[in-house]
Amino acid sequence: MYELVHRYAPQSPAGRTAIAIIGGLLGVPAFVLGLIGLSGNVAAGLLFLLVSTVILGISGQLTLGVVRQANAAPASSPQDDQQIDDANETPIETLRRRYAEGEIDDEAFERRLDQLIETEEPEQRKTESERVLE
């Protein structure tokens, strides 16, 4: 039944969740009407029970599919990894990246690079300026 339900269900988790919620909102009252109908009109009660069982079964399968999708999703997004990398960048690496992405022009890059090199300690200045020239 799982494969059959998911063949015709929307691919997005939001769509599947919406259908599961609607199914639950329709299935539970139909189930209650089926139980009440068993005391009066047995045929109608059985029909409501059958319909509600199918609707609730489909809703359950859709919910199970959304849970499986959520469990299969990666724990962190690529954007989170990029933010972590950006936080670990040195100011010169950040400047290089912004220059490579076209955020700043040649003149601004050189001016800011000179400012960064001037503000660093003397022993770091030599190694950084050598790395920048590479």
N, C-alpha and C. Protein backbone atom coordinates (compact mmCIF):
# COMPACT_ATOMS: atom_id res chain seq x y z
N MET A 1 0.83 -1.19 0.00
CA MET A 1 0.00 0.00 0.00
C MET A 1 0.88 1.25 0.00
N TYR A 2 2.04 1.19 0.68
CA TYR A 2 2.93 2.33 0.77
C TYR A 2 3.35 2.81 -0.61
N GLU A 3 3.77 1.89 -1.48
CA GLU A 3 4.20 2.27 -2.83
C GLU A 3 3.05 2.85 -3.65
N LEU A 4 1.87 2.27 -3.51
CA LEU A 4 0.71 2.76 -4.25
C LEU A 4 0.34 4.18 -3.83
N VAL A 5 0.34 4.44 -2.54
CA VAL A 5 0.00 5.78 -2.04
C VAL A 5 1.01 6.79 -2.54
N HIS A 6 2.30 6.45 -2.46
CA HIS A 6 3.34 7.42 -2.80
C HIS A 6 3.54 7.58 -4.30
N ARG A 7 2.98 6.69 -5.08
CA ARG A 7 3.03 6.86 -6.54
C ARG A 7 2.13 8.02 -6.97
N TYR A 8 1.00 8.20 -6.30
CA TYR A 8 0.04 9.22 -6.69
C TYR A 8 0.06 10.47 -5.80
N ALA A 9 0.80 10.42 -4.73
CA ALA A 9 0.86 11.56 -3.81
C ALA A 9 1.81 12.62 -4.35
N PRO A 10 1.65 13.87 -3.93
CA PRO A 10 2.59 14.91 -4.33
C PRO A 10 4.01 14.59 -3.84
N GLN A 11 5.01 15.08 -4.53
CA GLN A 11 6.39 14.80 -4.16
C GLN A 11 6.87 15.64 -2.98
N SER A 12 6.29 16.81 -2.80
CA SER A 12 6.77 17.69 -1.74
C SER A 12 6.23 17.23 -0.38
N PRO A 13 7.06 17.33 0.65
CA PRO A 13 6.59 16.98 2.00
C PRO A 13 5.41 17.84 2.45
N ALA A 14 5.41 19.10 2.05
CA ALA A 14 4.30 19.98 2.45
C ALA A 14 2.98 19.51 1.84
N GLY A 15 3.01 19.09 0.58
CA GLY A 15 1.80 18.59 -0.07
C GLY A 15 1.31 17.30 0.56
N ARG A 16 2.25 16.41 0.87
CA ARG A 16 1.87 15.15 1.51
C ARG A 16 1.31 15.39 2.91
N THR A 17 1.90 16.31 3.62
CA THR A 17 1.41 16.61 4.96
C THR A 17 0.01 17.22 4.91
N ALA A 18 -0.21 18.12 3.95
CA ALA A 18 -1.54 18.74 3.81
C ALA A 18 -2.60 17.69 3.50
N ILE A 19 -2.28 16.76 2.61
CA ILE A 19 -3.25 15.71 2.27
C ILE A 19 -3.49 14.81 3.48
N ALA A 20 -2.44 14.50 4.24
CA ALA A 20 -2.61 13.66 5.43
C ALA A 20 -3.49 14.36 6.47
N ILE A 21 -3.32 15.66 6.63
CA ILE A 21 -4.15 16.41 7.59
C ILE A 21 -5.61 16.41 7.14
N ILE A 22 -5.83 16.67 5.86
CA ILE A 22 -7.21 16.67 5.34
C ILE A 22 -7.82 15.29 5.49
N GLY A 23 -7.04 14.26 5.20
CA GLY A 23 -7.53 12.89 5.37
C GLY A 23 -7.90 12.59 6.80
N GLY A 24 -7.09 13.06 7.73
CA GLY A 24 -7.42 12.87 9.14
C GLY A 24 -8.68 13.60 9.54
N LEU A 25 -8.84 14.82 9.01
CA LEU A 25 -10.04 15.60 9.33
C LEU A 25 -11.31 14.98 8.75
N LEU A 26 -11.17 14.25 7.65
CA LEU A 26 -12.33 13.57 7.07
C LEU A 26 -12.50 12.16 7.62
N GLY A 27 -11.40 11.48 7.89
CA GLY A 27 -11.46 10.08 8.31
C GLY A 27 -11.99 9.86 9.71
N VAL A 28 -11.61 10.71 10.65
CA VAL A 28 -12.05 10.52 12.03
C VAL A 28 -13.57 10.71 12.17
N PRO A 29 -14.15 11.80 11.62
CA PRO A 29 -15.61 11.91 11.72
C PRO A 29 -16.34 10.78 10.98
N ALA A 30 -15.80 10.34 9.85
CA ALA A 30 -16.43 9.22 9.13
C ALA A 30 -16.39 7.96 9.98
N PHE A 31 -15.30 7.75 10.70
CA PHE A 31 -15.20 6.59 11.58
C PHE A 31 -16.24 6.66 12.70
N VAL A 32 -16.39 7.84 13.30
CA VAL A 32 -17.38 8.02 14.37
C VAL A 32 -18.78 7.81 13.83
N LEU A 33 -19.07 8.36 12.65
CA LEU A 33 -20.39 8.15 12.03
C LEU A 33 -20.62 6.68 11.74
N GLY A 34 -19.58 5.97 11.34
CA GLY A 34 -19.71 4.54 11.09
C GLY A 34 -20.05 3.78 12.35
N LEU A 35 -19.40 4.13 13.45
CA LEU A 35 -19.71 3.46 14.72
C LEU A 35 -21.13 3.76 15.17
N ILE A 36 -21.55 5.03 15.00
CA ILE A 36 -22.92 5.40 15.38
C ILE A 36 -23.92 4.71 14.45
N GLY A 37 -23.57 4.64 13.16
CA GLY A 37 -24.48 4.03 12.18
C GLY A 37 -24.66 2.55 12.37
N LEU A 38 -23.74 1.88 13.03
CA LEU A 38 -23.87 0.44 13.27
C LEU A 38 -25.07 0.13 14.17
N SER A 39 -25.43 1.10 15.02
CA SER A 39 -26.57 0.85 15.89
C SER A 39 -27.91 1.07 15.18
N GLY A 40 -27.91 1.84 14.11
CA GLY A 40 -29.15 2.11 13.37
C GLY A 40 -29.16 1.37 12.04
N ASN A 41 -28.61 1.99 11.03
CA ASN A 41 -28.54 1.43 9.69
C ASN A 41 -27.18 0.74 9.54
N VAL A 42 -27.15 -0.56 9.59
CA VAL A 42 -25.90 -1.31 9.61
C VAL A 42 -25.13 -1.14 8.29
N ALA A 43 -25.84 -1.13 7.17
CA ALA A 43 -25.18 -1.01 5.86
C ALA A 43 -24.46 0.34 5.74
N ALA A 44 -25.13 1.40 6.15
CA ALA A 44 -24.51 2.73 6.10
C ALA A 44 -23.34 2.81 7.08
N GLY A 45 -23.50 2.21 8.26
CA GLY A 45 -22.43 2.21 9.25
C GLY A 45 -21.19 1.49 8.74
N LEU A 46 -21.38 0.35 8.10
CA LEU A 46 -20.25 -0.40 7.53
C LEU A 46 -19.58 0.38 6.40
N LEU A 47 -20.39 1.06 5.59
CA LEU A 47 -19.84 1.86 4.50
C LEU A 47 -18.97 2.99 5.05
N PHE A 48 -19.46 3.68 6.08
CA PHE A 48 -18.67 4.76 6.68
C PHE A 48 -17.40 4.20 7.32
N LEU A 49 -17.49 3.05 7.97
CA LEU A 49 -16.30 2.44 8.56
C LEU A 49 -15.28 2.07 7.50
N LEU A 50 -15.74 1.54 6.39
CA LEU A 50 -14.84 1.16 5.30
C LEU A 50 -14.15 2.39 4.71
N VAL A 51 -14.94 3.43 4.43
CA VAL A 51 -14.38 4.66 3.86
C VAL A 51 -13.40 5.30 4.83
N SER A 52 -13.77 5.36 6.11
CA SER A 52 -12.87 5.99 7.08
C SER A 52 -11.59 5.19 7.27
N THR A 53 -11.67 3.87 7.21
CA THR A 53 -10.48 3.05 7.34
C THR A 53 -9.52 3.29 6.18
N VAL A 54 -10.05 3.39 4.98
CA VAL A 54 -9.21 3.65 3.81
C VAL A 54 -8.58 5.05 3.91
N ILE A 55 -9.37 6.05 4.25
CA ILE A 55 -8.86 7.42 4.35
C ILE A 55 -7.79 7.52 5.43
N LEU A 56 -8.04 6.94 6.59
CA LEU A 56 -7.06 7.01 7.68
C LEU A 56 -5.80 6.19 7.35
N GLY A 57 -5.97 5.10 6.61
CA GLY A 57 -4.81 4.32 6.17
C GLY A 57 -3.92 5.11 5.22
N ILE A 58 -4.55 5.80 4.28
CA ILE A 58 -3.79 6.64 3.34
C ILE A 58 -3.10 7.78 4.10
N SER A 59 -3.81 8.40 5.02
CA SER A 59 -3.21 9.49 5.81
C SER A 59 -2.02 8.99 6.61
N GLY A 60 -2.14 7.81 7.18
CA GLY A 60 -1.04 7.23 7.93
C GLY A 60 0.16 6.93 7.05
N GLN A 61 -0.07 6.43 5.84
CA GLN A 61 1.03 6.14 4.92
C GLN A 61 1.72 7.42 4.47
N LEU A 62 0.95 8.47 4.23
CA LEU A 62 1.54 9.75 3.85
C LEU A 62 2.38 10.32 4.99
N THR A 63 1.88 10.22 6.20
CA THR A 63 2.63 10.70 7.35
C THR A 63 3.91 9.90 7.52
N LEU A 64 3.84 8.60 7.35
CA LEU A 64 5.02 7.74 7.43
C LEU A 64 6.05 8.13 6.37
N GLY A 65 5.59 8.45 5.17
CA GLY A 65 6.48 8.87 4.10
C GLY A 65 7.19 10.18 4.41
N VAL A 66 6.46 11.13 5.00
CA VAL A 66 7.07 12.41 5.36
C VAL A 66 8.12 12.21 6.45
N VAL A 67 7.82 11.34 7.40
CA VAL A 67 8.79 11.05 8.47
C VAL A 67 10.03 10.39 7.88
N ARG A 68 9.86 9.47 6.95
CA ARG A 68 11.01 8.82 6.32
C ARG A 68 11.83 9.83 5.53
N GLN A 69 11.17 10.75 4.84
CA GLN A 69 11.91 11.79 4.11
C GLN A 69 12.71 12.66 5.06
N ALA A 70 12.12 13.02 6.18
CA ALA A 70 12.81 13.86 7.15
C ALA A 70 14.01 13.13 7.75
N ASN A 71 13.87 11.84 8.01
CA ASN A 71 14.97 11.06 8.57
C ASN A 71 16.09 10.86 7.55
N ALA A 72 15.75 10.81 6.27
CA ALA A 72 16.75 10.60 5.23
C ALA A 72 17.47 11.89 4.85
N ALA A 73 16.94 13.03 5.25
CA ALA A 73 17.54 14.31 4.90
C ALA A 73 18.87 14.48 5.64
N PRO A 74 19.82 15.19 5.01
CA PRO A 74 21.10 15.40 5.69
C PRO A 74 20.91 16.25 6.95
N ALA A 75 21.80 16.02 7.90
CA ALA A 75 21.68 16.72 9.19
C ALA A 75 21.94 18.21 9.08
N SER A 76 22.88 18.61 8.22
CA SER A 76 23.16 20.04 8.06
C SER A 76 23.10 20.39 6.58
N SER A 77 22.71 21.61 6.33
CA SER A 77 22.61 22.07 4.96
C SER A 77 23.94 22.64 4.50
N PRO A 78 24.18 22.72 3.18
CA PRO A 78 25.41 23.31 2.68
C PRO A 78 25.59 24.76 3.12
N GLN A 79 24.50 25.47 3.33
CA GLN A 79 24.59 26.86 3.78
C GLN A 79 25.18 26.93 5.18
N ASP A 80 24.82 25.97 6.05
CA ASP A 80 25.38 25.96 7.40
C ASP A 80 26.88 25.73 7.35
N ASP A 81 27.32 24.81 6.49
CA ASP A 81 28.75 24.54 6.35
C ASP A 81 29.49 25.77 5.84
N GLN A 82 28.88 26.49 4.89
CA GLN A 82 29.51 27.69 4.35
C GLN A 82 29.62 28.77 5.42
N GLN A 83 28.60 28.91 6.26
CA GLN A 83 28.65 29.91 7.33
C GLN A 83 29.75 29.58 8.33
N ILE A 84 29.93 28.29 8.63
CA ILE A 84 30.99 27.89 9.54
C ILE A 84 32.35 28.20 8.93
N ASP A 85 32.52 27.91 7.62
CA ASP A 85 33.77 28.21 6.95
C ASP A 85 34.04 29.71 6.94
N ASP A 86 33.00 30.50 6.70
CA ASP A 86 33.15 31.96 6.68
C ASP A 86 33.59 32.48 8.05
N ALA A 87 33.12 31.86 9.11
CA ALA A 87 33.47 32.31 10.45
C ALA A 87 34.94 32.01 10.77
N ASN A 88 35.50 30.98 10.16
CA ASN A 88 36.89 30.59 10.42
C ASN A 88 37.88 31.28 9.49
N GLU A 89 37.41 32.08 8.54
CA GLU A 89 38.29 32.75 7.60
C GLU A 89 39.07 33.87 8.28
N THR A 90 40.30 34.04 7.82
CA THR A 90 41.06 35.21 8.26
C THR A 90 40.56 36.41 7.46
N PRO A 91 40.84 37.62 7.92
CA PRO A 91 40.37 38.80 7.17
C PRO A 91 40.91 38.83 5.74
N ILE A 92 42.13 38.37 5.54
CA ILE A 92 42.69 38.39 4.18
C ILE A 92 41.99 37.35 3.30
N GLU A 93 41.67 36.18 3.86
CA GLU A 93 40.94 35.17 3.09
C GLU A 93 39.55 35.68 2.71
N THR A 94 38.91 36.38 3.64
CA THR A 94 37.60 36.96 3.35
C THR A 94 37.71 37.99 2.22
N LEU A 95 38.75 38.80 2.29
CA LEU A 95 38.97 39.81 1.25
C LEU A 95 39.20 39.15 -0.10
N ARG A 96 40.02 38.10 -0.12
CA ARG A 96 40.27 37.36 -1.38
C ARG A 96 38.98 36.78 -1.96
N ARG A 97 38.18 36.18 -1.08
CA ARG A 97 36.93 35.57 -1.53
C ARG A 97 36.00 36.63 -2.11
N ARG A 98 35.86 37.75 -1.43
CA ARG A 98 34.99 38.82 -1.92
C ARG A 98 35.48 39.36 -3.26
N TYR A 99 36.81 39.46 -3.41
CA TYR A 99 37.39 39.92 -4.68
C TYR A 99 37.11 38.89 -5.79
N ALA A 100 37.28 37.61 -5.46
CA ALA A 100 37.04 36.55 -6.45
C ALA A 100 35.57 36.49 -6.87
N GLU A 101 34.68 36.78 -5.94
CA GLU A 101 33.25 36.77 -6.25
C GLU A 101 32.78 38.04 -6.95
N GLY A 102 33.67 39.02 -7.07
CA GLY A 102 33.33 40.26 -7.76
C GLY A 102 32.62 41.29 -6.91
N GLU A 103 32.64 41.11 -5.60
CA GLU A 103 31.98 42.07 -4.71
C GLU A 103 32.75 43.38 -4.64
N ILE A 104 34.08 43.29 -4.77
CA ILE A 104 34.90 44.50 -4.72
C ILE A 104 35.80 44.55 -5.96
N ASP A 105 36.17 45.76 -6.36
CA ASP A 105 37.00 45.91 -7.57
C ASP A 105 38.49 45.87 -7.20
N ASP A 106 39.36 46.00 -8.23
CA ASP A 106 40.81 45.90 -8.04
C ASP A 106 41.32 46.95 -7.06
N GLU A 107 40.87 48.17 -7.23
CA GLU A 107 41.36 49.27 -6.40
C GLU A 107 40.99 49.07 -4.93
N ALA A 108 39.75 48.68 -4.68
CA ALA A 108 39.30 48.46 -3.30
C ALA A 108 40.03 47.27 -2.69
N PHE A 109 40.26 46.23 -3.50
CA PHE A 109 40.98 45.06 -3.00
C PHE A 109 42.39 45.44 -2.55
N GLU A 110 43.10 46.17 -3.41
CA GLU A 110 44.48 46.55 -3.08
C GLU A 110 44.53 47.47 -1.86
N ARG A 111 43.61 48.43 -1.79
CA ARG A 111 43.58 49.36 -0.67
C ARG A 111 43.31 48.62 0.64
N ARG A 112 42.33 47.75 0.64
CA ARG A 112 41.99 47.02 1.86
C ARG A 112 43.07 46.01 2.24
N LEU A 113 43.70 45.42 1.23
CA LEU A 113 44.79 44.49 1.51
C LEU A 113 45.96 45.22 2.18
N ASP A 114 46.29 46.40 1.66
CA ASP A 114 47.36 47.19 2.28
C ASP A 114 47.02 47.55 3.72
N GLN A 115 45.76 47.90 3.96
CA GLN A 115 45.35 48.25 5.33
C GLN A 115 45.46 47.04 6.25
N LEU A 116 45.06 45.87 5.76
CA LEU A 116 45.14 44.67 6.59
C LEU A 116 46.59 44.29 6.88
N ILE A 117 47.44 44.40 5.90
CA ILE A 117 48.85 44.05 6.10
C ILE A 117 49.51 45.01 7.08
N GLU A 118 49.16 46.29 7.01
CA GLU A 118 49.73 47.28 7.93
C GLU A 118 49.31 47.06 9.37
N THR A 119 48.11 46.55 9.59
CA THR A 119 47.61 46.38 10.95
C THR A 119 48.09 45.10 11.61
N GLU A 120 48.68 44.19 10.86
CA GLU A 120 49.16 42.94 11.43
C GLU A 120 50.52 43.12 12.08
N GLU A 121 50.93 42.14 12.89
CA GLU A 121 52.22 42.18 13.54
C GLU A 121 53.33 42.01 12.51
N PRO A 122 54.54 42.47 12.81
CA PRO A 122 55.63 42.45 11.83
C PRO A 122 55.96 41.05 11.30
N GLU A 123 56.02 40.01 12.16
CA GLU A 123 56.39 38.68 11.64
C GLU A 123 55.28 38.09 10.79
N GLN A 124 54.00 38.40 11.13
CA GLN A 124 52.89 37.93 10.31
C GLN A 124 52.82 38.69 9.00
N ARG A 125 53.22 39.95 9.03
CA ARG A 125 53.15 40.80 7.85
C ARG A 125 53.98 40.20 6.71
N LYS A 126 55.17 39.73 7.04
CA LYS A 126 56.07 39.20 6.02
C LYS A 126 55.48 37.93 5.40
N THR A 127 54.98 37.01 6.23
CA THR A 127 54.46 35.76 5.69
C THR A 127 53.17 35.99 4.92
N GLU A 128 52.30 36.86 5.41
CA GLU A 128 51.04 37.14 4.69
C GLU A 128 51.31 37.83 3.37
N SER A 129 52.24 38.79 3.35
CA SER A 129 52.50 39.49 2.09
C SER A 129 53.11 38.53 1.07
N GLU A 130 53.89 37.56 1.53
CA GLU A 130 54.44 36.57 0.61
C GLU A 130 53.33 35.68 0.07
N ARG A 131 52.38 35.29 0.95
CA ARG A 131 51.27 34.43 0.51
C ARG A 131 50.35 35.18 -0.46
N VAL A 132 50.13 36.46 -0.23
CA VAL A 132 49.25 37.26 -1.10
C VAL A 132 49.85 37.36 -2.48
N LEU A 133 51.17 37.51 -2.55
CA LEU A 133 51.83 37.66 -3.85
C LEU A 133 51.82 36.36 -4.65
N GLU A 134 51.65 35.22 -3.97
CA GLU A 134 51.62 33.94 -4.68
C GLU A 134 50.39 33.85 -5.46
